[in-house]
PDB file of N, CA and C in Angstrom:
ATOM      1  N   UNK A   1     -75.739  21.390  68.426  1.00  0.00           N
ATOM      2  CA  UNK A   1     -76.862  21.269  67.515  1.00  0.00           C
ATOM      3  C   UNK A   1     -77.060  19.838  67.017  1.00  0.00           C
ATOM      4  N   UNK A   2     -76.072  18.974  67.225  1.00  0.00           N
ATOM      5  CA  UNK A   2     -76.178  17.604  66.711  1.00  0.00           C
ATOM      6  C   UNK A   2     -77.496  16.914  67.070  1.00  0.00           C
ATOM      7  N   UNK A   3     -77.954  17.000  68.327  1.00  0.00           N
ATOM      8  CA  UNK A   3     -79.209  16.298  68.639  1.00  0.00           C
ATOM      9  C   UNK A   3     -80.380  16.793  67.790  1.00  0.00           C
ATOM     10  N   UNK A   4     -80.389  18.086  67.488  1.00  0.00           N
ATOM     11  CA  UNK A   4     -81.489  18.655  66.699  1.00  0.00           C
ATOM     12  C   UNK A   4     -81.340  18.321  65.220  1.00  0.00           C
ATOM     13  N   UNK A   5     -80.126  18.405  64.731  1.00  0.00           N
ATOM     14  CA  UNK A   5     -79.886  18.111  63.318  1.00  0.00           C
ATOM     15  C   UNK A   5     -80.216  16.654  63.031  1.00  0.00           C
ATOM     16  N   UNK A   6     -79.789  15.773  63.902  1.00  0.00           N
ATOM     17  CA  UNK A   6     -80.044  14.352  63.689  1.00  0.00           C
ATOM     18  C   UNK A   6     -81.531  14.013  63.817  1.00  0.00           C
ATOM     19  N   UNK A   7     -82.261  14.784  64.619  1.00  0.00           N
ATOM     20  CA  UNK A   7     -83.696  14.536  64.818  1.00  0.00           C
ATOM     21  C   UNK A   7     -84.570  15.394  63.893  1.00  0.00           C
ATOM     22  N   UNK A   8     -83.957  16.125  62.984  1.00  0.00           N
ATOM     23  CA  UNK A   8     -84.698  17.049  62.130  1.00  0.00           C
ATOM     24  C   UNK A   8     -85.914  16.418  61.452  1.00  0.00           C
ATOM     25  N   UNK A   9     -85.783  15.269  60.815  1.00  0.00           N
ATOM     26  CA  UNK A   9     -86.977  14.692  60.175  1.00  0.00           C
ATOM     27  C   UNK A   9     -88.108  14.429  61.168  1.00  0.00           C
ATOM     28  N   UNK A  10     -87.775  13.931  62.341  1.00  0.00           N
ATOM     29  CA  UNK A  10     -88.786  13.645  63.356  1.00  0.00           C
ATOM     30  C   UNK A  10     -89.401  14.939  63.873  1.00  0.00           C
ATOM     31  N   UNK A  11     -88.563  15.935  64.156  1.00  0.00           N
ATOM     32  CA  UNK A  11     -89.061  17.216  64.656  1.00  0.00           C
ATOM     33  C   UNK A  11     -89.974  17.888  63.643  1.00  0.00           C
ATOM     34  N   UNK A  12     -89.593  17.865  62.374  1.00  0.00           N
ATOM     35  CA  UNK A  12     -90.435  18.457  61.335  1.00  0.00           C
ATOM     36  C   UNK A  12     -91.787  17.760  61.280  1.00  0.00           C
ATOM     37  N   UNK A  13     -91.772  16.453  61.351  1.00  0.00           N
ATOM     38  CA  UNK A  13     -93.021  15.703  61.300  1.00  0.00           C
ATOM     39  C   UNK A  13     -93.884  15.996  62.527  1.00  0.00           C
ATOM     40  N   UNK A  14     -93.279  16.005  63.702  1.00  0.00           N
ATOM     41  CA  UNK A  14     -94.021  16.259  64.942  1.00  0.00           C
ATOM     42  C   UNK A  14     -94.644  17.654  64.960  1.00  0.00           C
ATOM     43  N   UNK A  15     -93.917  18.621  64.394  1.00  0.00           N
ATOM     44  CA  UNK A  15     -94.369  20.007  64.455  1.00  0.00           C
ATOM     45  C   UNK A  15     -95.072  20.468  63.183  1.00  0.00           C
ATOM     46  N   UNK A  16     -95.219  19.576  62.225  1.00  0.00           N
ATOM     47  CA  UNK A  16     -95.901  19.930  60.983  1.00  0.00           C
ATOM     48  C   UNK A  16     -95.093  20.866  60.107  1.00  0.00           C
ATOM     49  N   UNK A  17     -93.791  20.818  60.223  1.00  0.00           N
ATOM     50  CA  UNK A  17     -92.931  21.725  59.463  1.00  0.00           C
ATOM     51  C   UNK A  17     -92.542  21.164  58.112  1.00  0.00           C
ATOM     52  N   UNK A  18     -92.065  22.038  57.261  1.00  0.00           N
ATOM     53  CA  UNK A  18     -91.528  21.664  55.954  1.00  0.00           C
ATOM     54  C   UNK A  18     -90.247  22.453  55.730  1.00  0.00           C
ATOM     55  N   UNK A  19     -89.423  21.955  54.878  1.00  0.00           N
ATOM     56  CA  UNK A  19     -88.187  22.652  54.530  1.00  0.00           C
ATOM     57  C   UNK A  19     -88.475  23.560  53.346  1.00  0.00           C
ATOM     58  N   UNK A  20     -88.206  24.844  53.504  1.00  0.00           N
ATOM     59  CA  UNK A  20     -88.410  25.808  52.424  1.00  0.00           C
ATOM     60  C   UNK A  20     -87.104  25.935  51.639  1.00  0.00           C
ATOM     61  N   UNK A  21     -87.167  25.667  50.378  1.00  0.00           N
ATOM     62  CA  UNK A  21     -85.993  25.768  49.508  1.00  0.00           C
ATOM     63  C   UNK A  21     -85.720  27.234  49.177  1.00  0.00           C
ATOM     64  N   UNK A  22     -84.457  27.559  48.994  1.00  0.00           N
ATOM     65  CA  UNK A  22     -84.086  28.919  48.602  1.00  0.00           C
ATOM     66  C   UNK A  22     -83.960  28.976  47.085  1.00  0.00           C
ATOM     67  N   UNK A  23     -85.013  29.427  46.446  1.00  0.00           N
ATOM     68  CA  UNK A  23     -85.001  29.596  44.997  1.00  0.00           C
ATOM     69  C   UNK A  23     -84.204  30.859  44.653  1.00  0.00           C
ATOM     70  N   UNK A  24     -83.679  30.942  43.428  1.00  0.00           N
ATOM     71  CA  UNK A  24     -82.947  32.146  43.043  1.00  0.00           C
ATOM     72  C   UNK A  24     -83.766  33.430  43.233  1.00  0.00           C
ATOM     73  N   UNK A  25     -85.069  33.364  42.963  1.00  0.00           N
ATOM     74  CA  UNK A  25     -85.911  34.553  43.113  1.00  0.00           C
ATOM     75  C   UNK A  25     -85.940  35.035  44.564  1.00  0.00           C
ATOM     76  N   UNK A  26     -85.978  34.099  45.490  1.00  0.00           N
ATOM     77  CA  UNK A  26     -85.972  34.452  46.913  1.00  0.00           C
ATOM     78  C   UNK A  26     -84.657  35.119  47.283  1.00  0.00           C
ATOM     79  N   UNK A  27     -83.550  34.571  46.801  1.00  0.00           N
ATOM     80  CA  UNK A  27     -82.238  35.145  47.096  1.00  0.00           C
ATOM     81  C   UNK A  27     -82.100  36.553  46.512  1.00  0.00           C
ATOM     82  N   UNK A  28     -82.602  36.759  45.301  1.00  0.00           N
ATOM     83  CA  UNK A  28     -82.545  38.091  44.686  1.00  0.00           C
ATOM     84  C   UNK A  28     -83.403  39.072  45.479  1.00  0.00           C
ATOM     85  N   UNK A  29     -84.602  38.651  45.865  1.00  0.00           N
ATOM     86  CA  UNK A  29     -85.460  39.519  46.680  1.00  0.00           C
ATOM     87  C   UNK A  29     -84.756  39.883  47.980  1.00  0.00           C
ATOM     88  N   UNK A  30     -84.160  38.896  48.640  1.00  0.00           N
ATOM     89  CA  UNK A  30     -83.475  39.142  49.914  1.00  0.00           C
ATOM     90  C   UNK A  30     -82.355  40.170  49.746  1.00  0.00           C
ATOM     91  N   UNK A  31     -81.629  40.070  48.654  1.00  0.00           N
ATOM     92  CA  UNK A  31     -80.497  40.973  48.439  1.00  0.00           C
ATOM     93  C   UNK A  31     -80.879  42.359  47.975  1.00  0.00           C
ATOM     94  N   UNK A  32     -82.100  42.529  47.479  1.00  0.00           N
ATOM     95  CA  UNK A  32     -82.487  43.831  46.920  1.00  0.00           C
ATOM     96  C   UNK A  32     -83.616  44.507  47.694  1.00  0.00           C
ATOM     97  N   UNK A  33     -83.971  43.970  48.847  1.00  0.00           N
ATOM     98  CA  UNK A  33     -85.046  44.562  49.647  1.00  0.00           C
ATOM     99  C   UNK A  33     -84.672  45.971  50.097  1.00  0.00           C
ATOM    100  N   UNK A  34     -85.629  46.883  50.027  1.00  0.00           N
ATOM    101  CA  UNK A  34     -85.441  48.242  50.548  1.00  0.00           C
ATOM    102  C   UNK A  34     -85.760  48.191  52.045  1.00  0.00           C
ATOM    103  N   UNK A  35     -84.808  47.692  52.812  1.00  0.00           N
ATOM    104  CA  UNK A  35     -85.015  47.445  54.229  1.00  0.00           C
ATOM    105  C   UNK A  35     -83.705  47.737  54.946  1.00  0.00           C
ATOM    106  N   UNK A  36     -83.753  48.472  56.017  1.00  0.00           N
ATOM    107  CA  UNK A  36     -82.545  48.876  56.736  1.00  0.00           C
ATOM    108  C   UNK A  36     -81.810  47.697  57.360  1.00  0.00           C
ATOM    109  N   UNK A  37     -82.512  46.607  57.660  1.00  0.00           N
ATOM    110  CA  UNK A  37     -81.871  45.443  58.274  1.00  0.00           C
ATOM    111  C   UNK A  37     -80.948  44.787  57.254  1.00  0.00           C
ATOM    112  N   UNK A  38     -79.670  44.763  57.539  1.00  0.00           N
ATOM    113  CA  UNK A  38     -78.693  44.203  56.605  1.00  0.00           C
ATOM    114  C   UNK A  38     -78.329  42.757  56.925  1.00  0.00           C
ATOM    115  N   UNK A  39     -78.913  42.174  57.979  1.00  0.00           N
ATOM    116  CA  UNK A  39     -78.608  40.787  58.347  1.00  0.00           C
ATOM    117  C   UNK A  39     -79.092  39.855  57.232  1.00  0.00           C
ATOM    118  N   UNK A  40     -78.187  39.124  56.595  1.00  0.00           N
ATOM    119  CA  UNK A  40     -78.587  38.295  55.461  1.00  0.00           C
ATOM    120  C   UNK A  40     -79.585  37.193  55.837  1.00  0.00           C
ATOM    121  N   UNK A  41     -79.493  36.681  57.046  1.00  0.00           N
ATOM    122  CA  UNK A  41     -80.424  35.624  57.451  1.00  0.00           C
ATOM    123  C   UNK A  41     -81.820  36.190  57.689  1.00  0.00           C
ATOM    124  N   UNK A  42     -81.901  37.381  58.277  1.00  0.00           N
ATOM    125  CA  UNK A  42     -83.201  38.043  58.426  1.00  0.00           C
ATOM    126  C   UNK A  42     -83.820  38.283  57.060  1.00  0.00           C
ATOM    127  N   UNK A  43     -83.004  38.729  56.124  1.00  0.00           N
ATOM    128  CA  UNK A  43     -83.496  39.014  54.783  1.00  0.00           C
ATOM    129  C   UNK A  43     -83.980  37.743  54.075  1.00  0.00           C
ATOM    130  N   UNK A  44     -83.258  36.648  54.262  1.00  0.00           N
ATOM    131  CA  UNK A  44     -83.691  35.388  53.653  1.00  0.00           C
ATOM    132  C   UNK A  44     -84.995  34.897  54.269  1.00  0.00           C
ATOM    133  N   UNK A  45     -85.143  35.035  55.582  1.00  0.00           N
ATOM    134  CA  UNK A  45     -86.395  34.662  56.230  1.00  0.00           C
ATOM    135  C   UNK A  45     -87.553  35.498  55.699  1.00  0.00           C
ATOM    136  N   UNK A  46     -87.337  36.798  55.633  1.00  0.00           N
ATOM    137  CA  UNK A  46     -88.389  37.706  55.173  1.00  0.00           C
ATOM    138  C   UNK A  46     -88.755  37.444  53.717  1.00  0.00           C
ATOM    139  N   UNK A  47     -87.757  37.297  52.868  1.00  0.00           N
ATOM    140  CA  UNK A  47     -88.016  37.057  51.443  1.00  0.00           C
ATOM    141  C   UNK A  47     -88.716  35.716  51.230  1.00  0.00           C
ATOM    142  N   UNK A  48     -88.341  34.708  51.993  1.00  0.00           N
ATOM    143  CA  UNK A  48     -88.984  33.401  51.878  1.00  0.00           C
ATOM    144  C   UNK A  48     -90.454  33.506  52.274  1.00  0.00           C
ATOM    145  N   UNK A  49     -90.736  34.190  53.383  1.00  0.00           N
ATOM    146  CA  UNK A  49     -92.124  34.372  53.824  1.00  0.00           C
ATOM    147  C   UNK A  49     -92.932  35.115  52.766  1.00  0.00           C
ATOM    148  N   UNK A  50     -92.336  36.139  52.180  1.00  0.00           N
ATOM    149  CA  UNK A  50     -93.038  36.900  51.143  1.00  0.00           C
ATOM    150  C   UNK A  50     -93.358  36.024  49.940  1.00  0.00           C
ATOM    151  N   UNK A  51     -92.368  35.330  49.439  1.00  0.00           N
ATOM    152  CA  UNK A  51     -92.557  34.518  48.236  1.00  0.00           C
ATOM    153  C   UNK A  51     -93.514  33.358  48.461  1.00  0.00           C
ATOM    154  N   UNK A  52     -93.460  32.788  49.632  1.00  0.00           N
ATOM    155  CA  UNK A  52     -94.317  31.631  49.933  1.00  0.00           C
ATOM    156  C   UNK A  52     -95.692  32.059  50.449  1.00  0.00           C
ATOM    157  N   UNK A  53     -95.857  33.390  50.630  1.00  0.00           N
ATOM    158  CA  UNK A  53     -97.128  33.949  51.111  1.00  0.00           C
ATOM    159  C   UNK A  53     -97.566  33.311  52.430  1.00  0.00           C
ATOM    160  N   UNK A  54     -96.606  33.265  53.357  1.00  0.00           N
ATOM    161  CA  UNK A  54     -96.885  32.738  54.692  1.00  0.00           C
ATOM    162  C   UNK A  54     -96.500  33.791  55.721  1.00  0.00           C
ATOM    163  N   UNK A  55     -97.151  33.774  56.875  1.00  0.00           N
ATOM    164  CA  UNK A  55     -96.790  34.740  57.912  1.00  0.00           C
ATOM    165  C   UNK A  55     -95.406  34.450  58.473  1.00  0.00           C
ATOM    166  N   UNK A  56     -94.732  35.490  58.854  1.00  0.00           N
ATOM    167  CA  UNK A  56     -93.428  35.366  59.510  1.00  0.00           C
ATOM    168  C   UNK A  56     -93.651  35.679  60.976  1.00  0.00           C
ATOM    169  N   UNK A  57     -93.547  34.683  61.813  1.00  0.00           N
ATOM    170  CA  UNK A  57     -93.780  34.839  63.244  1.00  0.00           C
ATOM    171  C   UNK A  57     -92.435  34.848  63.935  1.00  0.00           C
ATOM    172  N   UNK A  58     -92.153  35.945  64.632  1.00  0.00           N
ATOM    173  CA  UNK A  58     -90.864  36.079  65.297  1.00  0.00           C
ATOM    174  C   UNK A  58     -90.994  37.005  66.497  1.00  0.00           C
ATOM    175  N   UNK A  59     -90.188  36.748  67.508  1.00  0.00           N
ATOM    176  CA  UNK A  59     -90.117  37.649  68.656  1.00  0.00           C
ATOM    177  C   UNK A  59     -89.155  38.804  68.366  1.00  0.00           C
ATOM    178  N   UNK A  60     -88.462  38.736  67.250  1.00  0.00           N
ATOM    179  CA  UNK A  60     -87.495  39.763  66.869  1.00  0.00           C
ATOM    180  C   UNK A  60     -88.235  40.972  66.288  1.00  0.00           C
ATOM    181  N   UNK A  61     -88.116  42.097  66.961  1.00  0.00           N
ATOM    182  CA  UNK A  61     -88.830  43.315  66.560  1.00  0.00           C
ATOM    183  C   UNK A  61     -88.396  43.843  65.196  1.00  0.00           C
ATOM    184  N   UNK A  62     -87.280  43.376  64.675  1.00  0.00           N
ATOM    185  CA  UNK A  62     -86.803  43.871  63.384  1.00  0.00           C
ATOM    186  C   UNK A  62     -87.809  43.586  62.272  1.00  0.00           C
ATOM    187  N   UNK A  63     -88.647  42.571  62.454  1.00  0.00           N
ATOM    188  CA  UNK A  63     -89.634  42.222  61.433  1.00  0.00           C
ATOM    189  C   UNK A  63     -90.944  42.982  61.580  1.00  0.00           C
ATOM    190  N   UNK A  64     -91.168  43.611  62.707  1.00  0.00           N
ATOM    191  CA  UNK A  64     -92.455  44.260  62.980  1.00  0.00           C
ATOM    192  C   UNK A  64     -92.773  45.353  61.962  1.00  0.00           C
ATOM    193  N   UNK A  65     -93.897  45.184  61.282  1.00  0.00           N
ATOM    194  CA  UNK A  65     -94.410  46.199  60.364  1.00  0.00           C
ATOM    195  C   UNK A  65     -93.644  46.384  59.074  1.00  0.00           C
ATOM    196  N   UNK A  66     -92.656  45.541  58.808  1.00  0.00           N
ATOM    197  CA  UNK A  66     -91.845  45.729  57.609  1.00  0.00           C
ATOM    198  C   UNK A  66     -92.067  44.667  56.544  1.00  0.00           C
ATOM    199  N   UNK A  67     -92.642  43.559  56.928  1.00  0.00           N
ATOM    200  CA  UNK A  67     -92.738  42.438  55.997  1.00  0.00           C
ATOM    201  C   UNK A  67     -94.200  42.224  55.610  1.00  0.00           C
ATOM    202  N   UNK A  68     -94.464  42.318  54.320  1.00  0.00           N
ATOM    203  CA  UNK A  68     -95.807  42.086  53.775  1.00  0.00           C
ATOM    204  C   UNK A  68     -95.713  40.991  52.733  1.00  0.00           C
ATOM    205  N   UNK A  69     -96.725  40.120  52.652  1.00  0.00           N
ATOM    206  CA  UNK A  69     -96.700  39.074  51.611  1.00  0.00           C
ATOM    207  C   UNK A  69     -96.705  39.701  50.212  1.00  0.00           C
ATOM    208  N   UNK A  70     -96.056  39.032  49.284  1.00  0.00           N
ATOM    209  CA  UNK A  70     -96.046  39.481  47.894  1.00  0.00           C
ATOM    210  C   UNK A  70     -97.390  39.165  47.276  1.00  0.00           C
ATOM    211  N   UNK A  71     -97.862  40.024  46.395  1.00  0.00           N
ATOM    212  CA  UNK A  71     -99.152  39.763  45.749  1.00  0.00           C
ATOM    213  C   UNK A  71     -98.961  39.010  44.457  1.00  0.00           C
TER     214      UNK A  71
END
């Protein structure tokens, strides 16, 4: 991963990405979601997408139909 980690600022700029911070509210949402998927990283991704009101795009079917933006 070293080549990617070292190039992270350049890759983010090239791809228009931003770093999403994990606020306490996101972590609490991730830990308390009524969702069968127990993978903590999946939960953090889903909770971050919900809180930031952004789509979660993934080839992983575990997210299909389960993640809705927070109102």
